[in-house]
């Protein structure tokens, strides 16, 4: 079943959410509608987590991951990193990338078997 969702009047949900086979990250929104759509559809199967990266809500653009791991940019604060590590399943390794790259979701495409990097 398909469900239509928007993040504060934009349909570019891939900027504000990251979805894998093991978890879902959603950016913090002023209204709970965006988060609640993901939670209603996915929470029975995988954890749905409110998060920010570097104080920003566009977690889909700045992170990349699969069911085994999650990469976040070096601008991610220690508090945000701790929140992600505490919220994600123990099987997911969260790693900060110590490079100038910040939009990891724009330059890396991956699944559980292979990754393509721009």
Foldseek 3Di string as FASTA:
>chain_A
DDDQDAAPPHRPQLQAKDDEQAEIEGEDHPDCRRVVVCCVVPVVRHYYYYAAALPHRRCSQFWDDYNQEIEGEPSGDPVRQVRVCVRGDVNYYYYYDDDPDGRQNVAWDDYPPDIHGD
